[in-house]
Amino acid sequence: MSDDGLARHLRQIAPALLSVVFLEIAVSSLFPLVGVQLTMRQTPTALIGAIGSAYFVGFIGGTVFAARVLDRVGHIRALSVFAIVAMNSALLMALFPEPWLWLALRAMTGFAMAGIWLTVETWLNHKATRATRGRLFGAYMVVSGSFSAVAPLLLTVVDPATITLFLIVALCYAAGVVPMALTREANPEIGDRARFGLIRLYAISPLGVIATFGCGLTVTGFTALLPVYTDSIGLTANSLAVLLFAARAGNLVAQYPIGMMSDRIGRRPIILTVIVIGLLGAGLGIAFGDHSFALLVVASILFSSATWPLYALSIGYTNDNCKPREIVAANGGLLMVWAIGGVIGPSAASWTITLFGHGGLFMYLAGVLAILLGFTAYRITRRPGAPPRAPASAEPKTA
C-alpha cells in the first residue's frame, strides 16, 4: 500500500476520527469522575464495583440492538441517536447524585456507548482493506488514546465534587455528532448482513474472542477500581488524574507501532508479545505499586500500553478471518464479548481488593493475563498462522 493510498483511506475515515475526539473526552473523563465521586461519598467498594459493572450490562444490551439500528437508519443517524442517549445519562447523573440510581444511568451510558463504538468501528472496517486495517485501526486507537489520556486531566482543573464536569461530558457527547453529520462520505453499504451468535464467532476466531474477553476483564477492572486503589494508598484525585494520563499516554505511543507490526508480521505474535508486557506491568504493580508513585506510573504504563491495544488487535485478527458481509456481526459479537468481560471485571477486581487489600487489583490483572498468555500460546501451537502478507500493491510500501 503506497503512502498516497494510505492517505486516501485516512481522509475517508477523518470524520469518524474527529467524532471520536469528542466522544473519547466524554467517556474517558466520566469513568474516573464516577469513581472519584463515589469514593468521596464513602460508597462501599462492592457498590462501586457494581456500578462499574452496570455500565457493561448496558453495553451488552447495546451490542444486541445497535446493529438493528444501523440496519434501519445507517451509520450517521445511528451515531446521533446513541450520542443523545449518552448525553442525557450524564445530565441525569448530575441532577440525581444517588449511587443506586447511578446503577441504571451507567447501564444507560453503556447501552449508548456500545452503539457508538459499533458504529465507528464498522465504519472504519468498511473503509479499510486487509493490507491497511492494522494501520487504520492503529490511527483510530492513537486518536482515541490521545484524548482518553488528556480527558482525566480535567479532574485537575475542574472540581470533581461539583456537577461542572458532568456538563462538560454532556457537551462533548453532543459535539461528537457534528463531524459525522457534516461528512460528504456516504454511509457504508452494509448489504446482506450475516447474523450469527458467539459460538459461531468463536469458531471463526477462538483467539480473537478470548483475547477480547481478557481485554474486557482487565481494562475495565483497572479503570473502575483504580480510584479505590489510589485512595487506599493515600493519593489525591490529582495524582489519580496524572496516573491515568501517564497510563493512557503509554497506550497512545504503543498503538500505531503495534498496528504496523501486526500488518507486517501477523497478529498472533504481536498479541502474545503485548500480553507478556502487560503481565510484567501487573507484576511490577504487585511488587512496588504502593511503595513508589514513580514505579506505579511505570507499572500502569506497561499494563495499559499492552492491554488497550489488545482489543484492536483482536478486531483485526478476527476480521482477517471474516467475509465482508460478516464484519458487522463479528464486530458486534466482539463488543458483546468485551462487555461480558466488563461486567465481570470491576466486580471481580473489587472482590480481590476486599480479599487481599489494595494490592488485589494488580493480583487480579496478573492472574487474568497469565491465563490469557497460556491460551494464546496454545492457539499458536494448535494452528500455525498464515505467513505475513505484503500489501496488495506493487508500489513502494509505507514505513
Protein backbone atom coordinates (compact mmCIF):
# COMPACT_ATOMS: atom_id res chain seq x y z
CA MET A 1 0.00 0.00 0.00
CA SER A 2 1.52 3.33 -1.08
CA ASP A 3 1.67 6.44 1.08
CA ASP A 4 -0.93 8.07 -1.22
CA GLY A 5 -3.24 5.07 -0.86
CA LEU A 6 -2.96 5.09 2.92
CA ALA A 7 -3.53 8.86 2.99
CA ARG A 8 -6.68 8.43 0.91
CA HIS A 9 -8.03 5.88 3.37
CA LEU A 10 -7.18 8.18 6.28
CA ARG A 11 -9.11 11.03 4.63
CA GLN A 12 -12.14 8.77 4.28
CA ILE A 13 -12.17 7.99 8.00
CA ALA A 14 -11.27 11.53 9.16
CA PRO A 15 -14.88 12.49 10.11
CA ALA A 16 -15.18 9.38 12.25
CA LEU A 17 -11.85 10.13 13.92
CA LEU A 18 -12.91 13.71 14.69
CA SER A 19 -16.11 12.43 16.26
CA VAL A 20 -14.01 10.05 18.34
CA VAL A 21 -12.10 13.04 19.75
CA PHE A 22 -15.19 14.45 21.47
CA LEU A 23 -16.69 11.10 22.38
CA GLU A 24 -13.45 9.87 23.95
CA ILE A 25 -13.12 13.03 26.05
CA ALA A 26 -16.63 12.39 27.33
CA VAL A 27 -16.32 8.71 28.18
CA SER A 28 -12.74 8.88 29.50
CA SER A 29 -13.43 11.74 31.89
CA LEU A 30 -16.73 10.24 33.08
CA PHE A 31 -15.19 6.91 34.12
CA PRO A 32 -12.77 8.33 36.74
CA LEU A 33 -15.26 11.06 37.72
CA VAL A 34 -17.81 8.43 38.74
CA GLY A 35 -15.20 6.55 40.77
CA VAL A 36 -13.90 9.71 42.46
CA GLN A 37 -17.37 10.98 43.39
CA LEU A 38 -18.40 7.60 44.78
CA THR A 39 -15.17 7.35 46.78
CA MET A 40 -15.68 10.87 48.16
CA ARG A 41 -19.10 9.79 49.41
CA GLN A 42 -17.54 6.73 51.07
CA THR A 43 -19.60 4.39 48.93
CA PRO A 44 -18.87 0.71 49.72
CA THR A 45 -16.26 -0.84 47.42
CA ALA A 46 -18.70 -3.57 46.38
CA LEU A 47 -21.25 -0.96 45.23
CA ILE A 48 -18.57 0.93 43.31
CA GLY A 49 -17.70 -2.31 41.54
CA ALA A 50 -21.38 -2.98 40.84
CA ILE A 51 -21.81 0.48 39.30
CA GLY A 52 -18.74 -0.17 37.16
CA SER A 53 -20.25 -3.48 36.07
CA ALA A 54 -23.65 -1.87 35.36
CA TYR A 55 -22.07 0.11 32.53
CA PHE A 56 -21.16 -3.14 30.80
CA VAL A 57 -24.53 -4.75 31.46
CA GLY A 58 -25.96 -1.89 29.42
CA PHE A 59 -23.14 -2.32 26.93
CA ILE A 60 -24.21 -5.92 26.31
CA GLY A 61 -27.75 -4.76 25.61
CA GLY A 62 -26.36 -2.16 23.23
CA THR A 63 -24.44 -4.75 21.24
CA VAL A 64 -27.68 -6.68 20.73
CA PHE A 65 -29.73 -3.75 19.44
CA ALA A 66 -27.12 -1.44 17.87
CA ALA A 67 -26.74 -3.47 14.69
CA ARG A 68 -30.51 -3.29 14.17
CA VAL A 69 -30.39 0.49 14.45
CA LEU A 70 -27.54 0.57 11.92
CA ASP A 71 -29.58 -1.54 9.53
CA ARG A 72 -32.61 0.71 9.90
CA VAL A 73 -31.16 4.24 9.75
CA GLY A 74 -27.50 3.98 8.70
CA HIS A 75 -24.30 4.94 10.47
CA ILE A 76 -24.69 8.72 10.73
CA ARG A 77 -28.20 8.78 12.17
CA ALA A 78 -27.39 5.86 14.45
CA LEU A 79 -24.42 7.76 15.90
CA SER A 80 -26.69 10.74 16.59
CA VAL A 81 -29.22 8.60 18.45
CA PHE A 82 -26.64 6.89 20.64
CA ALA A 83 -24.78 10.12 21.44
CA ILE A 84 -28.01 11.80 22.58
CA VAL A 85 -28.79 8.88 24.90
CA ALA A 86 -25.29 9.10 26.40
CA MET A 87 -25.60 12.87 26.82
CA ASN A 88 -28.89 12.51 28.68
CA SER A 89 -27.44 9.90 31.02
CA ALA A 90 -24.61 12.27 32.01
CA LEU A 91 -27.07 15.10 32.67
CA LEU A 92 -29.27 12.85 34.81
CA MET A 93 -26.24 11.77 36.86
CA ALA A 94 -25.52 15.44 37.56
CA LEU A 95 -29.13 16.09 38.59
CA PHE A 96 -29.56 12.97 40.75
CA PRO A 97 -26.32 12.03 42.61
CA GLU A 98 -27.72 8.85 44.13
CA PRO A 99 -25.45 5.76 43.85
CA TRP A 100 -28.32 3.29 43.44
CA LEU A 101 -29.84 5.40 40.65
CA TRP A 102 -26.41 5.57 39.03
CA LEU A 103 -26.58 1.81 38.54
CA ALA A 104 -29.35 2.38 35.99
CA LEU A 105 -27.78 5.51 34.50
CA ARG A 106 -24.42 3.82 33.98
CA ALA A 107 -26.22 0.95 32.27
CA MET A 108 -27.90 3.57 30.07
CA THR A 109 -24.50 5.05 29.22
CA GLY A 110 -23.10 1.61 28.43
CA PHE A 111 -26.01 0.89 26.09
CA ALA A 112 -25.31 4.10 24.19
CA MET A 113 -21.55 3.61 24.05
CA ALA A 114 -21.92 0.12 22.60
CA GLY A 115 -23.85 1.67 19.74
CA ILE A 116 -21.34 4.47 19.32
CA TRP A 117 -18.29 2.20 19.14
CA LEU A 118 -20.00 -0.34 16.90
CA THR A 119 -21.00 2.47 14.53
CA VAL A 120 -17.50 3.95 14.43
CA GLU A 121 -15.65 0.63 14.16
CA THR A 122 -17.84 -0.80 11.41
CA TRP A 123 -17.38 2.47 9.50
CA LEU A 124 -13.61 2.03 9.81
CA ASN A 125 -13.71 -1.63 8.80
CA HIS A 126 -15.75 -0.90 5.69
CA LYS A 127 -13.27 1.82 4.68
CA ALA A 128 -10.21 -0.37 5.36
CA THR A 129 -8.60 -3.08 3.28
CA ARG A 130 -6.87 -6.16 4.61
CA ALA A 131 -3.50 -4.54 3.91
CA THR A 132 -4.34 -1.28 5.74
CA ARG A 133 -6.61 -2.48 8.56
CA GLY A 134 -3.88 -2.65 11.20
CA ARG A 135 -2.63 0.86 10.44
CA LEU A 136 -6.08 2.42 10.13
CA PHE A 137 -7.13 0.88 13.42
CA GLY A 138 -3.78 1.98 14.81
CA ALA A 139 -4.62 5.56 13.75
CA TYR A 140 -8.07 5.19 15.31
CA MET A 141 -6.58 3.95 18.56
CA VAL A 142 -3.96 6.73 18.53
CA VAL A 143 -6.72 9.34 18.30
CA SER A 144 -8.78 7.52 20.90
CA GLY A 145 -5.76 7.05 23.15
CA SER A 146 -4.64 10.68 22.84
CA PHE A 147 -7.87 12.09 24.14
CA SER A 148 -8.51 9.32 26.63
CA ALA A 149 -5.12 10.33 28.08
CA VAL A 150 -5.95 14.03 28.20
CA ALA A 151 -9.53 13.65 29.45
CA PRO A 152 -8.74 12.58 33.06
CA LEU A 153 -6.64 15.73 33.47
CA LEU A 154 -9.93 17.63 33.54
CA LEU A 155 -10.19 16.39 37.13
CA THR A 156 -7.16 18.56 37.98
CA VAL A 157 -8.73 21.77 36.66
CA VAL A 158 -12.42 21.15 37.45
CA ASP A 159 -13.53 20.31 40.98
CA PRO A 160 -14.73 16.68 40.74
CA ALA A 161 -17.11 17.26 43.66
CA THR A 162 -19.28 19.60 41.54
CA ILE A 163 -21.56 18.92 38.56
CA THR A 164 -19.44 21.01 36.17
CA LEU A 165 -17.57 18.07 34.69
CA PHE A 166 -20.83 16.20 34.07
CA LEU A 167 -21.98 19.18 31.99
CA ILE A 168 -18.70 19.18 30.03
CA VAL A 169 -19.19 15.47 29.35
CA ALA A 170 -22.71 16.10 28.04
CA LEU A 171 -21.45 18.87 25.74
CA CYS A 172 -18.76 16.56 24.34
CA TYR A 173 -21.31 13.85 23.57
CA ALA A 174 -23.35 16.41 21.63
CA ALA A 175 -20.28 17.74 19.79
CA GLY A 176 -19.30 14.21 18.76
CA VAL A 177 -22.27 14.04 16.41
CA VAL A 178 -21.26 17.06 14.32
CA PRO A 179 -18.28 15.79 12.23
CA MET A 180 -20.11 12.68 11.07
CA ALA A 181 -23.30 14.64 10.38
CA LEU A 182 -21.37 17.02 8.10
CA THR A 183 -19.31 14.44 6.21
CA ARG A 184 -19.65 14.00 2.46
CA GLU A 185 -18.70 10.34 2.76
CA ALA A 186 -21.63 8.05 2.07
CA ASN A 187 -22.81 5.56 4.66
CA PRO A 188 -21.02 2.23 4.13
CA GLU A 189 -23.13 -0.27 2.27
CA ILE A 190 -23.96 -2.95 4.80
CA GLY A 191 -25.86 -5.05 2.28
CA ASP A 192 -26.90 -8.56 3.22
CA ARG A 193 -25.51 -8.71 6.74
CA ALA A 194 -24.63 -12.09 8.17
CA ARG A 195 -26.15 -12.98 11.52
CA PHE A 196 -24.56 -15.40 13.96
CA GLY A 197 -24.02 -15.89 17.65
CA LEU A 198 -20.99 -16.12 19.88
CA ILE A 199 -20.49 -19.84 19.23
CA ARG A 200 -20.10 -19.17 15.51
CA LEU A 201 -17.84 -16.20 16.27
CA TYR A 202 -15.65 -18.42 18.45
CA ALA A 203 -15.45 -20.96 15.63
CA ILE A 204 -14.23 -18.21 13.28
CA SER A 205 -11.63 -16.85 15.69
CA PRO A 206 -11.08 -18.54 19.09
CA LEU A 207 -8.14 -16.31 19.93
CA GLY A 208 -9.95 -13.15 18.84
CA VAL A 209 -12.85 -13.94 21.17
CA ILE A 210 -10.77 -14.95 24.20
CA ALA A 211 -8.31 -12.06 23.80
CA THR A 212 -11.23 -9.63 23.60
CA PHE A 213 -12.75 -11.19 26.73
CA GLY A 214 -9.44 -10.89 28.58
CA CYS A 215 -9.13 -7.28 27.47
CA GLY A 216 -12.60 -6.56 28.86
CA LEU A 217 -11.78 -8.26 32.17
CA THR A 218 -8.55 -6.34 32.72
CA VAL A 219 -9.10 -2.88 31.25
CA THR A 220 -12.46 -2.37 32.94
CA GLY A 221 -11.29 -3.74 36.27
CA PHE A 222 -8.27 -1.43 36.18
CA THR A 223 -10.27 1.65 35.15
CA ALA A 224 -13.17 1.17 37.56
CA LEU A 225 -11.13 0.26 40.65
CA LEU A 226 -8.02 2.41 40.21
CA PRO A 227 -9.67 5.28 42.18
CA VAL A 228 -10.22 2.87 45.07
CA TYR A 229 -6.60 1.68 44.85
CA THR A 230 -5.12 5.19 44.79
CA ASP A 231 -7.36 6.37 47.63
CA SER A 232 -6.33 3.40 49.77
CA ILE A 233 -2.63 4.26 49.42
CA GLY A 234 -3.22 7.95 50.17
CA LEU A 235 -3.06 9.51 46.70
CA THR A 236 -5.19 12.52 45.78
CA ALA A 237 -7.58 12.95 42.84
CA ASN A 238 -4.87 14.99 41.11
CA SER A 239 -2.42 12.09 41.46
CA LEU A 240 -5.05 9.74 40.06
CA ALA A 241 -5.50 12.03 37.04
CA VAL A 242 -1.74 12.15 36.43
CA LEU A 243 -1.55 8.36 36.75
CA LEU A 244 -4.34 7.86 34.22
CA PHE A 245 -2.74 10.37 31.87
CA ALA A 246 0.60 8.56 32.01
CA ALA A 247 -1.04 5.16 31.52
CA ARG A 248 -3.04 6.29 28.51
CA ALA A 249 -0.11 8.20 27.06
CA GLY A 250 1.84 4.94 27.11
CA ASN A 251 -1.05 3.28 25.35
CA LEU A 252 -1.05 6.09 22.77
CA VAL A 253 2.64 5.73 21.97
CA ALA A 254 2.29 1.97 21.55
CA GLN A 255 -0.82 1.87 19.36
CA TYR A 256 0.43 2.70 15.87
CA PRO A 257 3.70 0.69 16.03
CA ILE A 258 1.73 -2.30 17.29
CA GLY A 259 -0.77 -1.95 14.43
CA MET A 260 2.03 -1.60 11.88
CA MET A 261 3.89 -4.65 13.20
CA SER A 262 0.69 -6.70 13.19
CA ASP A 263 0.19 -5.84 9.50
CA ARG A 264 3.74 -6.93 8.68
CA ILE A 265 4.46 -10.00 10.79
CA GLY A 266 1.00 -11.21 11.80
CA ARG A 267 -1.50 -10.52 14.55
CA ARG A 268 -0.88 -13.55 16.79
CA PRO A 269 2.82 -13.00 17.56
CA ILE A 270 2.03 -9.39 18.49
CA ILE A 271 -0.92 -10.47 20.65
CA LEU A 272 1.43 -12.82 22.53
CA THR A 273 4.02 -10.06 22.95
CA VAL A 274 1.63 -7.45 24.35
CA ILE A 275 0.21 -9.94 26.85
CA VAL A 276 3.73 -10.58 28.18
CA ILE A 277 4.33 -6.83 28.51
CA GLY A 278 1.03 -6.37 30.33
CA LEU A 279 1.89 -9.20 32.69
CA LEU A 280 5.21 -7.53 33.50
CA GLY A 281 3.37 -4.31 34.32
CA ALA A 282 0.92 -6.10 36.62
CA GLY A 283 3.81 -7.86 38.37
CA LEU A 284 5.57 -4.54 38.91
CA GLY A 285 2.37 -3.13 40.39
CA ILE A 286 2.11 -6.04 42.82
CA ALA A 287 5.70 -5.65 43.97
CA PHE A 288 6.15 -1.88 44.12
CA GLY A 289 2.84 -0.08 43.42
CA ASP A 290 2.22 1.02 47.00
CA HIS A 291 5.88 1.91 47.70
CA SER A 292 6.73 4.31 44.88
CA PHE A 293 4.46 6.54 42.81
CA ALA A 294 7.06 6.56 40.02
CA LEU A 295 7.07 2.76 39.84
CA LEU A 296 3.26 2.74 39.99
CA VAL A 297 3.27 5.02 36.94
CA VAL A 298 5.70 2.69 35.13
CA ALA A 299 3.57 -0.35 36.01
CA SER A 300 0.44 1.37 34.73
CA ILE A 301 2.16 2.43 31.51
CA LEU A 302 3.36 -1.12 30.82
CA PHE A 303 -0.05 -2.57 31.58
CA SER A 304 -2.07 -0.07 29.55
CA SER A 305 0.29 0.07 26.56
CA ALA A 306 -0.19 -3.68 26.22
CA THR A 307 -3.81 -4.35 27.13
CA TRP A 308 -5.58 -1.43 25.45
CA PRO A 309 -4.13 -2.24 22.00
CA LEU A 310 -5.17 -5.86 22.55
CA TYR A 311 -8.76 -5.01 21.62
CA ALA A 312 -7.77 -3.50 18.26
CA LEU A 313 -5.51 -6.48 17.59
CA SER A 314 -8.38 -8.84 18.34
CA ILE A 315 -10.70 -6.96 15.97
CA GLY A 316 -8.08 -7.00 13.23
CA TYR A 317 -7.31 -10.69 13.70
CA THR A 318 -10.98 -11.66 13.70
CA ASN A 319 -11.86 -9.53 10.69
CA ASP A 320 -8.94 -11.02 8.76
CA ASN A 321 -10.86 -14.30 9.02
CA CYS A 322 -14.28 -12.85 8.16
CA LYS A 323 -16.09 -12.32 4.88
CA PRO A 324 -17.15 -8.69 4.21
CA ARG A 325 -20.81 -9.49 4.96
CA GLU A 326 -19.77 -10.92 8.36
CA ILE A 327 -17.95 -7.81 9.61
CA VAL A 328 -20.88 -6.10 11.37
CA ALA A 329 -21.95 -9.32 13.10
CA ALA A 330 -18.36 -10.10 14.10
CA ASN A 331 -17.71 -6.62 15.47
CA GLY A 332 -20.99 -6.64 17.35
CA GLY A 333 -20.12 -10.03 18.79
CA LEU A 334 -16.68 -8.86 19.88
CA LEU A 335 -18.20 -5.81 21.55
CA MET A 336 -20.55 -8.14 23.43
CA VAL A 337 -17.65 -10.38 24.48
CA TRP A 338 -15.71 -7.33 25.67
CA ALA A 339 -18.76 -6.12 27.56
CA ILE A 340 -19.25 -9.50 29.24
CA GLY A 341 -15.68 -9.18 30.43
CA GLY A 342 -16.54 -5.65 31.52
CA VAL A 343 -19.48 -6.86 33.60
CA ILE A 344 -17.26 -9.34 35.41
CA GLY A 345 -14.09 -7.24 35.60
CA PRO A 346 -14.98 -4.44 38.06
CA SER A 347 -16.85 -6.79 40.40
CA ALA A 348 -14.07 -9.39 40.32
CA ALA A 349 -11.43 -6.72 40.90
CA SER A 350 -13.41 -5.28 43.83
CA TRP A 351 -13.69 -8.78 45.29
CA THR A 352 -9.92 -9.34 45.12
CA ILE A 353 -9.34 -5.92 46.72
CA THR A 354 -11.74 -6.84 49.53
CA LEU A 355 -9.98 -10.19 49.97
CA PHE A 356 -6.32 -9.16 49.64
CA GLY A 357 -6.31 -5.40 50.22
CA HIS A 358 -5.48 -2.76 47.62
CA GLY A 359 -2.75 -4.97 46.11
CA GLY A 360 -5.50 -7.32 45.00
CA LEU A 361 -6.13 -5.08 41.98
CA PHE A 362 -2.80 -5.92 40.34
CA MET A 363 -3.06 -9.55 41.50
CA TYR A 364 -6.33 -9.80 39.62
CA LEU A 365 -4.84 -8.25 36.48
CA ALA A 366 -1.82 -10.57 36.60
CA GLY A 367 -4.00 -13.65 37.03
CA VAL A 368 -6.18 -12.86 34.03
CA LEU A 369 -3.19 -12.05 31.81
CA ALA A 370 -1.37 -15.24 32.84
CA ILE A 371 -4.37 -17.34 31.78
CA LEU A 372 -4.65 -15.38 28.53
CA LEU A 373 -0.95 -15.90 27.85
CA GLY A 374 -1.36 -19.65 28.20
CA PHE A 375 -4.36 -19.73 25.87
CA THR A 376 -2.60 -17.63 23.23
CA ALA A 377 0.45 -19.89 23.27
CA TYR A 378 -1.85 -22.89 22.96
CA ARG A 379 -3.65 -21.45 19.93
CA ILE A 380 -0.36 -20.62 18.21
CA THR A 381 0.85 -24.20 18.61
CA ARG A 382 -2.56 -25.63 17.77
CA ARG A 383 -2.97 -23.93 14.39
CA PRO A 384 0.00 -22.29 12.64
CA GLY A 385 -0.78 -18.83 11.33
CA ALA A 386 -0.60 -17.81 7.71
CA PRO A 387 2.71 -16.25 6.63
CA PRO A 388 2.85 -12.45 6.72
CA ARG A 389 1.21 -10.91 3.68
CA ALA A 390 2.66 -8.00 1.76
CA PRO A 391 0.19 -5.25 0.93
CA ALA A 392 -1.60 -5.89 -2.34
CA SER A 393 0.27 -3.25 -4.28
CA ALA A 394 3.39 -3.09 -6.42
CA GLU A 395 4.05 0.45 -5.24
CA PRO A 396 6.59 1.27 -2.51
CA LYS A 397 5.40 0.16 0.92
CA THR A 398 4.76 2.58 3.73
CA ALA A 399 7.30 2.90 6.53
